[in-house]
Amino acid sequence: MTAFLALMLIESSRAGRSLIFAWPTTLLVGLMCQLQGIGVWSNVYWLATIAFRQLDARRGPSVAVGRVAAEANLFAILVGFALPSQVMLSVQTPLVIAAWQFFPAWILLARGVYMLVRLRSIGNGYKVVQATYLTTFALSAYGNALAIWLLRDNLSSYLATLPPTIEPPAFAGSTLTVAALQFLTWDWIMTAAGGLLATLWIAKSPAEVAQIAAWNIFATPLFGAGAAVSGALMWREKRLNGSK
């Protein structure tokens, strides 16, 4: 999820971005992800980037991200999402869990505060953007490793349940926990599959499609789907900015 959040923030910061990808869209999509599932709304956003040729944009001034905006995006990911998520996992009280649900607002609040207090600076934010995607790669890989560690004693049993059934559990043997796990599993599958598939639209030739597909197949089992998407987005950013 961190890679997807970073993508929305970075695309909203590009010099020539369409109004469709401005910061209100980041807030709206983020809140809708919380209300209806990231598996639905992340794919709506990916489809928009494909339909409006955002993913395969070409190099030039219109795709530049200013240094201050890039720094604000990285700060927002760390303070507005990563930190609250860690607090929620450590302090599982109803108030903390409820507050975490509004993380899209905390992200944009953190971004706005940073841009308000940061001294203005003219410069290309390419290196900071790459640092942001590297951070999301690390966070995603850490989350993937943590999930495997927590499931280490029951990993084979869990993998045997994938993919989950599309039918609701029988009422007699069903619990709210089972239903929630079923929903979250499908939500994760749709999010991961949609993101991995969308990265293929970054390619500009059949050879590049094969390269991205090979990367996704290699990286997903090792580091997780979010890390694989982060890696593909880093490659895209490097191409957009040439040798900068």
Protein backbone atom coordinates (compact mmCIF):
# COMPACT_ATOMS: atom_id res chain seq x y z
CA MET A 1 0.00 0.00 0.00
CA THR A 2 2.88 2.38 0.68
CA ALA A 3 3.98 2.23 -2.96
CA PHE A 4 0.47 3.16 -4.10
CA LEU A 5 0.30 6.08 -1.65
CA ALA A 6 3.71 7.32 -2.80
CA LEU A 7 2.62 7.08 -6.43
CA MET A 8 -0.46 9.24 -5.82
CA LEU A 9 1.54 11.87 -3.94
CA ILE A 10 4.30 12.02 -6.53
CA GLU A 11 1.92 12.17 -9.50
CA SER A 12 0.03 15.01 -7.80
CA SER A 13 3.33 16.92 -7.52
CA ARG A 14 4.40 16.84 -11.17
CA ALA A 15 4.70 20.21 -12.88
CA GLY A 16 2.37 19.37 -15.77
CA ARG A 17 -0.01 16.99 -14.04
CA SER A 18 -3.67 16.95 -14.97
CA LEU A 19 -6.24 18.21 -12.46
CA ILE A 20 -7.45 14.61 -12.30
CA PHE A 21 -4.25 13.68 -10.45
CA ALA A 22 -4.10 16.72 -8.14
CA TRP A 23 -3.92 16.36 -4.35
CA PRO A 24 -7.73 16.31 -3.79
CA THR A 25 -7.78 13.06 -5.77
CA THR A 26 -5.17 11.61 -3.41
CA LEU A 27 -7.37 12.45 -0.42
CA LEU A 28 -10.57 11.21 -2.07
CA VAL A 29 -9.09 7.92 -3.28
CA GLY A 30 -7.40 7.37 0.08
CA LEU A 31 -10.63 7.84 2.01
CA MET A 32 -12.59 5.67 -0.44
CA CYS A 33 -9.96 2.95 0.00
CA GLN A 34 -10.75 3.02 3.70
CA LEU A 35 -14.51 2.96 3.14
CA GLN A 36 -14.78 0.39 0.34
CA GLY A 37 -11.43 -1.38 0.19
CA ILE A 38 -8.11 -0.55 -1.41
CA GLY A 39 -8.59 -3.45 -3.82
CA VAL A 40 -11.34 -1.48 -5.57
CA TRP A 41 -10.06 2.09 -5.51
CA SER A 42 -6.40 1.41 -6.12
CA ASN A 43 -7.42 -0.26 -9.37
CA VAL A 44 -9.68 2.68 -10.25
CA TYR A 45 -6.64 4.94 -9.87
CA TRP A 46 -4.38 2.61 -11.85
CA LEU A 47 -6.97 2.52 -14.66
CA ALA A 48 -7.02 6.33 -14.68
CA THR A 49 -3.22 6.49 -15.01
CA ILE A 50 -3.43 4.10 -17.95
CA ALA A 51 -6.39 5.81 -19.63
CA PHE A 52 -4.79 9.27 -19.39
CA ARG A 53 -1.33 8.01 -20.43
CA GLN A 54 0.17 8.97 -17.08
CA LEU A 55 2.14 5.76 -16.55
CA ASP A 56 3.91 5.91 -19.90
CA ALA A 57 4.51 9.67 -19.86
CA ARG A 58 7.59 10.88 -21.68
CA ARG A 59 10.58 12.74 -20.34
CA GLY A 60 10.35 16.53 -20.17
CA PRO A 61 9.62 19.55 -17.94
CA SER A 62 6.01 18.48 -17.42
CA VAL A 63 7.00 15.40 -15.39
CA ALA A 64 9.44 17.22 -13.10
CA VAL A 65 8.86 17.17 -9.34
CA GLY A 66 10.27 20.08 -7.33
CA ARG A 67 12.64 19.31 -4.48
CA VAL A 68 10.43 20.79 -1.74
CA ALA A 69 7.37 18.87 -2.95
CA ALA A 70 9.40 15.66 -3.18
CA GLU A 71 10.70 16.13 0.37
CA ALA A 72 7.16 16.83 1.59
CA ASN A 73 5.92 13.62 -0.03
CA LEU A 74 8.59 11.53 1.69
CA PHE A 75 7.88 13.25 5.02
CA ALA A 76 4.15 12.58 4.56
CA ILE A 77 4.70 8.86 3.91
CA LEU A 78 6.86 8.50 7.02
CA VAL A 79 4.92 10.72 9.44
CA GLY A 80 1.42 10.43 8.01
CA PHE A 81 1.36 6.70 7.28
CA ALA A 82 4.33 4.64 8.47
CA LEU A 83 4.44 6.15 11.97
CA PRO A 84 0.66 5.93 12.63
CA SER A 85 0.65 2.36 11.30
CA GLN A 86 3.43 1.36 13.67
CA VAL A 87 1.61 3.03 16.57
CA MET A 88 -1.59 1.18 15.67
CA LEU A 89 0.22 -2.17 15.63
CA SER A 90 1.89 -1.42 18.95
CA VAL A 91 -1.02 0.21 20.80
CA GLN A 92 -4.16 -1.61 19.71
CA THR A 93 -6.77 0.49 21.48
CA PRO A 94 -10.12 1.45 19.87
CA LEU A 95 -9.15 5.14 19.81
CA VAL A 96 -5.81 4.53 18.08
CA ILE A 97 -7.36 2.14 15.56
CA ALA A 98 -10.16 4.62 14.82
CA ALA A 99 -7.67 7.48 14.37
CA TRP A 100 -5.58 5.37 11.97
CA GLN A 101 -8.55 4.98 9.64
CA PHE A 102 -8.13 8.64 8.65
CA PHE A 103 -4.50 8.24 7.58
CA PRO A 104 -5.16 9.79 4.12
CA ALA A 105 -5.96 13.04 5.93
CA TRP A 106 -2.89 12.69 8.18
CA ILE A 107 -0.72 12.19 5.10
CA LEU A 108 -1.89 15.38 3.43
CA LEU A 109 -1.75 17.27 6.72
CA ALA A 110 1.88 16.22 7.23
CA ARG A 111 2.67 17.18 3.64
CA GLY A 112 1.03 20.58 4.04
CA VAL A 113 2.82 21.34 7.31
CA TYR A 114 6.19 20.42 5.81
CA MET A 115 5.66 22.66 2.77
CA LEU A 116 4.53 25.48 5.06
CA VAL A 117 7.64 25.49 7.26
CA ARG A 118 10.24 24.41 4.66
CA LEU A 119 12.31 27.20 3.19
CA ARG A 120 11.72 27.54 -0.52
CA SER A 121 14.30 25.83 -2.68
CA ILE A 122 14.59 25.64 -6.44
CA GLY A 123 15.80 22.30 -7.68
CA ASN A 124 14.85 18.95 -9.13
CA GLY A 125 13.47 16.48 -6.62
CA TYR A 126 14.43 13.38 -8.62
CA LYS A 127 16.80 11.95 -6.00
CA VAL A 128 14.24 12.48 -3.24
CA VAL A 129 11.54 10.80 -5.35
CA GLN A 130 13.83 7.81 -5.80
CA ALA A 131 14.52 7.83 -2.06
CA THR A 132 10.76 7.78 -1.49
CA TYR A 133 10.28 4.73 -3.69
CA LEU A 134 13.28 3.08 -2.04
CA THR A 135 11.62 3.74 1.32
CA THR A 136 8.35 2.19 0.16
CA PHE A 137 10.33 -0.79 -1.16
CA ALA A 138 11.92 -1.26 2.27
CA LEU A 139 8.64 -0.79 4.15
CA SER A 140 6.84 -3.25 1.86
CA ALA A 141 9.63 -5.81 2.11
CA TYR A 142 9.63 -5.45 5.90
CA GLY A 143 5.86 -5.93 6.04
CA ASN A 144 6.10 -9.01 3.82
CA ALA A 145 8.87 -10.52 5.94
CA LEU A 146 6.96 -9.76 9.15
CA ALA A 147 3.81 -11.44 7.82
CA ILE A 148 5.76 -14.56 6.86
CA TRP A 149 7.43 -14.62 10.28
CA LEU A 150 4.12 -14.30 12.14
CA LEU A 151 2.64 -17.10 10.03
CA ARG A 152 5.74 -19.29 10.16
CA ASP A 153 4.06 -22.05 12.17
CA ASN A 154 0.92 -22.05 10.02
CA LEU A 155 2.23 -20.77 6.69
CA SER A 156 1.44 -23.95 4.74
CA SER A 157 -2.09 -24.01 6.17
CA TYR A 158 -2.61 -20.36 5.23
CA LEU A 159 -1.28 -20.80 1.70
CA ALA A 160 -3.67 -23.74 1.28
CA THR A 161 -6.58 -21.32 1.72
CA LEU A 162 -5.47 -19.22 -1.28
CA PRO A 163 -7.24 -18.13 -3.30
CA PRO A 164 -10.11 -17.68 -0.83
CA THR A 165 -13.60 -18.77 -1.77
CA ILE A 166 -15.95 -16.23 -3.35
CA GLU A 167 -18.87 -17.70 -1.45
CA PRO A 168 -19.62 -16.55 2.10
CA PRO A 169 -18.96 -19.11 4.83
CA ALA A 170 -21.91 -21.23 5.92
CA PHE A 171 -23.78 -19.40 8.68
CA ALA A 172 -23.46 -22.23 11.18
CA GLY A 173 -19.69 -22.34 11.03
CA SER A 174 -19.02 -18.71 10.23
CA THR A 175 -17.64 -16.02 12.49
CA LEU A 176 -17.01 -12.32 12.03
CA THR A 177 -13.28 -13.01 12.18
CA VAL A 178 -13.48 -15.55 9.34
CA ALA A 179 -15.56 -13.16 7.22
CA ALA A 180 -13.15 -10.28 7.87
CA LEU A 181 -10.14 -12.43 7.00
CA GLN A 182 -11.84 -13.53 3.80
CA PHE A 183 -12.54 -9.91 2.81
CA LEU A 184 -9.02 -8.72 3.66
CA THR A 185 -7.46 -11.59 1.71
CA TRP A 186 -9.46 -10.76 -1.41
CA ASP A 187 -8.71 -7.06 -0.90
CA TRP A 188 -4.99 -7.84 -0.77
CA ILE A 189 -5.13 -10.09 -3.84
CA MET A 190 -6.97 -7.46 -5.90
CA THR A 191 -4.59 -4.72 -4.77
CA ALA A 192 -1.46 -6.74 -5.50
CA ALA A 193 -2.66 -8.14 -8.83
CA GLY A 194 -3.89 -4.76 -10.05
CA GLY A 195 -0.65 -2.99 -9.15
CA LEU A 196 1.59 -5.65 -10.68
CA LEU A 197 -0.47 -5.73 -13.87
CA ALA A 198 -0.53 -1.93 -14.15
CA THR A 199 3.28 -1.72 -14.05
CA LEU A 200 3.32 -3.40 -17.47
CA TRP A 201 1.94 -0.15 -18.93
CA ILE A 202 5.19 1.57 -17.96
CA ALA A 203 6.85 -0.36 -20.78
CA LYS A 204 7.30 1.15 -24.22
CA SER A 205 8.22 -2.05 -26.08
CA PRO A 206 7.52 -5.80 -25.90
CA ALA A 207 11.03 -6.31 -24.54
CA GLU A 208 10.34 -3.92 -21.66
CA VAL A 209 7.04 -5.67 -20.94
CA ALA A 210 8.97 -8.93 -20.60
CA GLN A 211 11.56 -7.28 -18.35
CA ILE A 212 8.95 -5.80 -16.00
CA ALA A 213 7.00 -9.07 -15.91
CA ALA A 214 10.20 -10.97 -15.07
CA TRP A 215 11.00 -8.48 -12.30
CA ASN A 216 7.50 -8.83 -10.83
CA ILE A 217 7.70 -12.63 -10.92
CA PHE A 218 11.13 -12.57 -9.27
CA ALA A 219 10.55 -9.84 -6.67
CA THR A 220 7.01 -10.61 -5.49
CA PRO A 221 7.76 -13.93 -3.74
CA LEU A 222 10.96 -12.54 -2.20
CA PHE A 223 9.96 -9.03 -1.15
CA GLY A 224 6.20 -8.76 -1.66
CA ALA A 225 4.02 -7.19 -4.34
CA GLY A 226 4.37 -3.67 -2.92
CA ALA A 227 8.15 -3.87 -3.13
CA ALA A 228 7.94 -5.18 -6.71
CA VAL A 229 5.73 -2.24 -7.70
CA SER A 230 8.14 0.17 -5.96
CA GLY A 231 11.03 -1.23 -7.97
CA ALA A 232 9.14 -0.81 -11.25
CA LEU A 233 8.24 2.78 -10.33
CA MET A 234 11.89 3.55 -9.52
CA TRP A 235 12.85 2.33 -12.98
CA ARG A 236 10.10 4.48 -14.52
CA GLU A 237 11.31 7.55 -12.61
CA LYS A 238 14.88 7.00 -13.75
CA ARG A 239 13.74 6.84 -17.36
CA LEU A 240 11.60 9.98 -16.97
CA ASN A 241 14.60 11.90 -15.64
CA GLY A 242 17.33 10.46 -17.80
CA SER A 243 20.73 10.37 -16.11
CA LYS A 244 19.91 12.98 -13.44
